[in-house]
Structures are given as structure tokens and as C-alpha cells.
Protein backbone atom coordinates (compact mmCIF):
# COMPACT_ATOMS: atom_id res chain seq x y z
CA MET A 1 80.47 59.11 44.36
CA ALA A 2 83.90 58.65 42.43
CA ALA A 3 85.43 56.75 45.03
CA TYR A 4 82.44 54.78 45.60
CA LEU A 5 82.01 53.53 41.93
CA ASN A 6 85.83 53.00 42.11
CA ASP A 7 85.62 50.68 45.03
CA ILE A 8 82.51 48.64 43.45
CA LEU A 9 84.43 48.08 39.79
CA ASP A 10 87.53 46.80 41.87
CA ASN A 11 85.23 44.53 43.73
CA ILE A 12 83.43 43.06 40.40
CA ILE A 13 87.25 43.18 39.01
CA GLY A 14 88.31 41.15 42.32
CA ILE A 15 85.31 38.40 41.51
CA ILE A 16 86.04 38.41 38.07
CA ARG A 17 89.85 37.66 39.23
CA THR A 18 88.77 34.50 41.38
CA MET A 19 86.12 32.85 39.57
CA GLY A 20 86.72 29.32 37.94
CA ILE A 21 85.12 26.70 36.03
CA VAL A 22 82.55 26.17 38.46
CA ASP A 23 81.57 29.53 38.97
CA ILE A 24 81.60 30.40 35.50
CA LEU A 25 78.95 26.78 35.00
CA ASP A 26 77.02 28.46 37.98
CA ILE A 27 76.64 31.89 35.76
CA LEU A 28 75.56 30.10 32.61
CA LEU A 29 73.36 27.70 34.49
CA MET A 30 71.55 31.04 36.39
CA SER A 31 71.23 33.36 32.76
CA TYR A 32 69.94 30.13 31.61
CA LEU A 33 67.14 29.71 33.62
CA ALA A 34 66.45 33.40 34.18
CA TYR A 35 65.52 33.22 30.30
CA LYS A 36 63.01 29.94 30.24
CA LEU A 37 61.86 32.20 32.94
CA LEU A 38 61.26 35.30 31.14
CA LYS A 39 60.36 32.99 28.42
CA LEU A 40 57.37 31.33 30.22
CA ILE A 41 55.92 34.52 31.78
CA ARG A 42 56.03 36.98 28.34
CA GLU A 43 53.35 38.43 27.81
CA THR A 44 51.15 37.97 31.21
CA ARG A 45 50.43 39.69 34.04
CA ALA A 46 53.75 37.38 35.34
CA GLU A 47 55.41 39.95 33.25
CA GLN A 48 54.47 42.79 35.25
CA LEU A 49 55.10 41.42 38.84
CA LEU A 50 58.66 40.59 37.51
CA ARG A 51 59.21 44.74 36.68
CA GLY A 52 58.07 45.53 40.27
CA ILE A 53 59.61 42.87 42.00
CA ILE A 54 63.08 44.22 39.99
CA ALA A 55 61.98 48.11 41.09
CA ILE A 56 61.76 46.66 44.22
CA VAL A 57 64.74 45.33 44.27
CA LEU A 58 66.51 49.09 43.05
CA ILE A 59 64.72 50.76 45.52
CA LEU A 60 66.19 48.28 48.60
CA PHE A 61 69.91 48.89 47.34
CA ILE A 62 69.13 52.17 47.48
CA VAL A 63 67.69 52.44 50.53
CA SER A 64 70.72 50.61 52.04
CA GLN A 65 73.43 52.54 50.39
CA PHE A 66 72.12 56.00 51.55
CA GLU A 67 70.21 54.79 54.89
CA LEU A 68 67.28 56.59 53.79
CA ARG A 69 64.98 55.76 56.59
CA VAL A 70 61.44 56.10 55.89
CA LEU A 71 61.74 54.46 52.88
CA GLY A 72 63.38 51.38 54.56
CA PHE A 73 60.80 51.11 56.60
CA LEU A 74 58.16 50.54 54.16
CA SER A 75 60.38 47.82 52.15
CA GLU A 76 60.75 46.02 55.19
CA THR A 77 56.38 46.20 56.18
CA PHE A 78 55.86 45.73 52.19
CA PHE A 79 58.45 42.21 52.68
CA SER A 80 56.95 40.94 56.13
CA ILE A 81 53.61 40.79 53.83
CA GLY A 82 54.14 41.44 50.38
CA LEU A 83 55.74 37.41 49.43
CA MET A 84 52.22 36.45 50.90
CA ALA A 85 50.12 38.58 49.08
CA VAL A 86 51.76 38.43 45.95
CA ILE A 87 50.94 34.44 45.93
CA VAL A 88 47.50 35.44 46.63
CA MET A 89 47.37 38.12 43.51
CA PHE A 90 48.84 36.49 40.89
CA GLN A 91 47.84 32.76 41.91
CA PRO A 92 46.39 32.22 38.42
CA GLU A 93 49.30 33.17 36.19
CA LEU A 94 51.98 31.67 38.60
CA ARG A 95 50.00 28.49 38.10
CA ARG A 96 49.80 28.78 34.53
CA VAL A 97 53.85 29.32 34.65
CA PHE A 98 54.45 26.12 36.49
CA GLU A 99 51.92 24.52 34.24
CA LYS A 100 53.84 25.15 31.38
CA LEU A 101 57.36 24.28 33.28
CA GLY A 102 55.72 20.85 33.49
CA ARG A 103 55.07 20.44 29.74
CA THR A 104 58.50 21.06 28.74
CA LYS A 105 60.07 18.35 27.36
CA VAL A 106 63.24 17.92 30.30
CA VAL A 107 60.39 17.80 32.99
CA GLN A 108 58.36 15.11 31.16
CA THR A 109 61.38 13.27 30.86
CA LEU A 110 62.97 13.28 34.35
CA THR A 111 59.64 12.27 35.24
CA PHE A 112 59.62 9.29 32.80
CA ASN A 113 56.34 10.48 31.16
CA THR A 114 55.95 7.86 28.66
CA ALA A 115 52.60 7.57 27.98
CA ASP A 116 51.41 6.85 24.46
CA PRO A 117 48.56 8.97 23.23
CA ARG A 118 48.29 7.17 19.81
CA THR A 119 46.35 4.84 21.96
CA ASP A 120 43.08 4.14 19.82
CA MET A 121 43.46 7.86 18.10
CA SER A 122 43.96 6.79 14.76
CA ALA A 123 40.06 5.54 14.55
CA ALA A 124 39.40 8.35 17.03
CA ILE A 125 40.57 10.83 14.40
CA GLU A 126 38.66 9.90 11.52
CA GLN A 127 35.54 10.12 13.29
CA ILE A 128 36.29 13.51 15.08
CA ALA A 129 37.16 14.98 11.53
CA ARG A 130 33.73 13.16 9.99
CA ALA A 131 32.07 14.55 13.14
CA CYS A 132 33.32 18.68 12.32
CA GLU A 133 32.50 18.28 8.70
CA LYS A 134 28.56 17.13 9.23
CA LEU A 135 29.11 19.61 11.76
CA SER A 136 30.72 22.69 9.84
CA ARG A 137 27.81 22.07 7.16
CA SER A 138 25.24 22.65 9.57
CA ALA A 139 26.43 25.62 11.10
CA THR A 140 26.37 24.39 14.38
CA GLY A 141 28.50 25.15 17.12
CA ALA A 142 30.98 22.77 18.91
CA ILE A 143 34.23 22.82 20.59
CA ILE A 144 36.21 19.25 21.37
CA VAL A 145 39.13 19.38 23.70
CA ILE A 146 42.39 16.59 22.19
CA GLU A 147 44.16 15.61 25.72
CA ARG A 148 47.57 15.15 25.27
CA GLN A 149 50.32 14.93 27.76
CA THR A 150 48.56 17.60 30.46
CA LYS A 151 46.01 15.50 31.63
CA LEU A 152 42.30 17.45 31.77
CA GLY A 153 40.58 16.12 34.83
CA GLU A 154 40.05 19.20 36.36
CA GLN A 155 38.20 20.39 33.57
CA ALA A 156 36.14 17.08 32.71
CA ASP A 157 34.69 17.64 36.30
CA THR A 158 32.95 20.35 35.69
CA GLY A 159 30.62 18.85 32.68
CA THR A 160 29.66 14.89 32.69
CA VAL A 161 31.44 12.28 32.39
CA LEU A 162 30.46 9.77 29.56
CA ASN A 163 33.41 7.20 29.56
CA ALA A 164 32.00 6.28 25.23
CA THR A 165 34.16 5.38 22.25
CA ALA A 166 34.63 8.89 20.35
CA SER A 167 32.03 8.56 17.02
CA ALA A 168 30.48 10.71 14.26
CA GLU A 169 27.58 10.00 15.61
CA LEU A 170 27.94 10.56 19.65
CA LEU A 171 29.48 13.96 18.68
CA GLY A 172 26.72 14.97 16.79
CA ASN A 173 24.38 14.05 19.07
CA ILE A 174 26.27 16.20 21.70
CA PHE A 175 26.34 19.34 20.15
CA PHE A 176 22.53 18.98 18.84
CA PRO A 177 21.15 22.40 19.18
CA ASN A 178 19.32 22.28 22.73
CA SER A 179 20.33 19.53 23.94
CA PRO A 180 21.22 19.22 27.69
CA LEU A 181 25.23 19.22 26.98
CA HIS A 182 25.91 21.32 23.42
CA ASP A 183 26.93 24.41 24.99
CA GLY A 184 29.94 23.23 27.31
CA ALA A 185 33.15 21.52 25.52
CA VAL A 186 33.94 18.01 24.17
CA ILE A 187 36.91 16.50 26.20
CA ILE A 188 38.75 13.33 24.67
CA ARG A 189 41.06 11.00 26.15
CA GLU A 190 43.04 8.33 24.17
CA GLY A 191 40.24 7.54 21.92
CA VAL A 192 37.82 8.17 24.11
CA VAL A 193 34.94 10.84 24.93
CA LEU A 194 35.62 11.56 28.80
CA ALA A 195 33.07 14.19 29.23
CA ALA A 196 31.13 16.37 28.05
CA GLY A 197 29.42 19.76 28.67
CA CYS A 198 32.55 21.20 30.50
CA PHE A 199 33.59 24.62 31.04
CA LEU A 200 37.15 25.65 30.03
CA PRO A 201 39.23 28.23 31.25
CA LYS A 202 39.28 32.14 29.47
CA PRO A 203 42.19 33.15 28.02
CA GLN A 204 45.14 35.05 29.86
CA ASN A 205 45.26 38.09 27.35
CA GLU A 206 41.64 38.49 26.53
CA GLU A 207 41.53 41.93 25.91
CA PHE A 208 43.73 41.35 23.25
CA ILE A 209 41.88 38.82 21.09
CA SER A 210 39.46 39.94 18.20
CA LYS A 211 36.23 41.16 19.07
CA ASP A 212 35.13 38.97 15.96
CA LEU A 213 35.15 35.48 17.97
CA GLY A 214 32.77 34.58 19.91
CA THR A 215 32.81 32.78 23.19
CA ARG A 216 33.82 29.32 21.80
CA HIS A 217 36.88 30.65 20.36
CA ARG A 218 38.00 32.22 23.60
CA ALA A 219 37.82 29.31 25.51
CA ALA A 220 39.62 27.06 22.96
CA ILE A 221 42.60 30.04 23.52
CA GLY A 222 42.51 29.38 27.08
CA MET A 223 42.34 26.14 26.83
CA SER A 224 45.56 25.73 24.74
CA GLU A 225 47.33 28.14 26.89
CA ILE A 226 47.22 26.07 29.69
CA SER A 227 47.84 22.95 28.17
CA ASP A 228 49.21 20.95 25.30
CA ALA A 229 45.65 20.01 24.54
CA ILE A 230 44.66 20.54 20.58
CA VAL A 231 41.18 22.33 20.88
CA ILE A 232 39.07 22.57 17.85
CA VAL A 233 36.10 24.74 17.55
CA ILE A 234 33.37 25.39 14.98
CA SER A 235 31.41 28.15 14.26
CA GLU A 236 27.98 28.18 14.96
CA GLU A 237 27.63 31.57 12.85
CA THR A 238 29.87 31.01 9.96
CA GLY A 239 30.65 26.63 10.33
CA ILE A 240 34.39 27.56 10.25
CA ILE A 241 36.54 24.81 11.09
CA SER A 242 39.03 26.11 13.53
CA THR A 243 42.10 24.72 15.59
CA ALA A 244 43.67 26.61 18.94
CA GLU A 245 47.05 25.38 20.23
CA ASN A 246 49.72 27.10 22.64
CA GLY A 247 47.36 29.91 22.30
CA TYR A 248 46.81 30.46 18.76
CA LEU A 249 43.86 29.84 16.24
CA LYS A 250 44.12 28.55 12.99
CA ARG A 251 41.06 29.05 11.24
CA GLY A 252 39.34 27.38 7.53
CA LEU A 253 40.21 24.33 7.83
CA ASP A 254 38.31 21.67 5.83
CA ARG A 255 38.14 17.62 7.10
CA ALA A 256 41.48 16.96 5.25
CA LYS A 257 43.56 19.61 6.57
CA LEU A 258 42.08 18.81 9.98
CA THR A 259 42.78 15.20 9.81
CA GLN A 260 46.50 16.30 8.79
CA ILE A 261 46.78 18.52 11.35
CA LEU A 262 45.65 15.87 14.01
CA ASN A 263 47.69 12.99 12.58
CA GLU A 264 50.92 15.30 12.79
CA ARG A 265 50.12 16.66 16.32
CA ILE A 266 49.43 13.58 18.19
CA LEU A 267 50.32 10.54 15.84
CA SER A 268 53.35 11.34 14.35
CA GLY A 269 54.37 13.31 17.79
CA ALA A 270 54.03 10.41 19.32
CA GLU A 271 56.08 8.21 16.86
CA ASN A 272 58.72 10.31 17.46
CA GLY A 273 58.71 10.43 21.11
CA ASN A 274 58.38 6.47 21.23
CA ALA A 275 61.84 6.02 18.69
CA LYS A 276 63.85 8.26 20.53
CA ILE A 277 63.07 6.40 24.11
CA LYS A 278 63.54 3.54 22.19
CA GLN A 279 66.97 4.49 21.12
CA LYS A 280 67.95 5.24 24.57
CA ARG A 281 67.10 1.83 25.85
CA VAL A 282 68.97 0.54 22.82
CA LYS A 283 72.16 2.20 23.63
CA ARG A 284 72.02 1.58 27.25
CA ARG A 285 71.71 -2.11 26.56
CA GLU A 286 74.50 -1.67 24.15
CA ASN A 287 76.65 -0.18 26.63
CA LYS A 288 75.91 -2.50 29.26
CA PRO A 289 78.51 -5.03 29.80
CA ALA A 290 78.04 -8.54 27.96
CA GLN A 291 77.04 -10.85 31.88
CA GLU A 292 74.54 -8.03 32.58
CA LEU A 293 72.65 -8.79 28.96
CA LYS A 294 72.19 -12.80 29.76
CA GLY A 295 68.63 -13.48 30.42
């Protein structure tokens, strides 16, 4: 056994001695990607999946070293059908991981996603805040999803398409008790009420959410987990205004605080993003030869 361990140690030392700069960069890049992957799947069922895969890899290593026939046969059988089974069983978790990856700044930059969420949103924010204040006073339940970079067409298809300008009066009528669309969510895109009466996904770890929170709050958390949308919830029991973002709920808001949050997340965020894009364009023009700037 000691000789076997010495052979492994000698092989590791030999590999380290032959490593070059490219190899080191390769290892650092893989370590960074592994760290990001672990961060994406943290606190999800995919995390348990990853642990299971690591355990199977360790078993395969032991099997290959000690030539255990029964375990070797079972491992080969598992891998022949296991990958497809894993994809089917953990499809929702894998989808959420790729959705989170698509929302990262690096991916959005590479895909030239320069959409401006400020379009018609300044006036819409005032109308949304005013509507939420009225709904809160009457303790009328409501859930409003404000789309940002992640498109919510899939959720909008579950409701009734309106394509109407957002106004406090329209939102009040939609969530009026016993109206046809009052039970679902409203999705707002670029200052327009895209659809109403929409169904939203459940949260990933519903068992960890406080039992004091109702269906609307849970749906808001679930929607914020799979998108970068800001979701506004008004409790029909207490009239409390809350916002959900990135899987976290912020409660006890008033009209002024809600307006501030929406301005910071939607308007200020867009201004910072557009400013960076403009700076990059200016630098590119400055770095070009003089003859290329003509015309």
C-alpha cells in the first residue's frame, strides 16, 4: 500500500514539474468555472445531485484500482442509462442553473444584450407605486412582475395578453376582488401591462419559506429565483407591500420606499449599464486610426 501511495505521489510531482504557464492558466480557469458552478447550484437539489456524482466517481476510482467486479458491473450499467435519467429527473434544477448563467453580466455582454429597460418605465413606476398604495389601503391582494433583462414570455402565455399602458386605474381594476383576472399575476414589460392573470412558478426550496407567507408571496419568490424580475406583492390579509428579488423578500414598504427601490433597480441600473457601453464605444473610437474616423 505504501509503495502504491508513493507511486501516486511521484506521478503528481512529475506532473507539477512539467507544468507551464498555459497549464497553470488552464487550472485557474477551471477552478474559477467550478467555483461559479458551485455558487449557482448552492442550496438547490442540483447540489445534492453533484454530491451524488462525486460519490459515484470515487466509487469508480476504487473499483478501477482494486478490480471489484460486482461494483464495476453496476457502475457501468448505471453510466449507460444514468446520464439520461439524471437529465430527466433534474430538468427543473438544470434549467434554473442555465437561466442563472444566462443572466450573468459576462454572458449578457457576450450576447450584446443592450436593451434599455428605462423605456417608458419612469412614468410606469409612478403609476405602479400609486396603484400599490391604493391596493394596500384596501388590503386588496395583488402581485405585479416587472420584467427586466430576462424575458417572461413563457409566463405571459399562461395569462391574458393585454398590451395596455400601465396605469393605477388599470391595475386597480385587474386586482379588484372577484374580477376575472384578480387571482393571477400582472407582467409589465417596458411600461406596458403585457399580460394579466398569469401563473408563476413555485420557489425552489418551498419547505424553508415561512408558513406565514401565502400563495402570492411564494409565487413572487419563485418568480424572482428564475429571473431578474422585480416582483411586487400586496397581502390581502394585512395590506403590507413587499418586493421579491433574487429569491429574497423585502416587506413593510410604503409608496415612497417602493418608488425608491424601483428607481434604483430599474432606472439607475440601466443608466449605469448604458454609461459603461458608451464608455467602451468611445474608447474603441479613440483607439482607431485617424483615417478610419472619417465620414
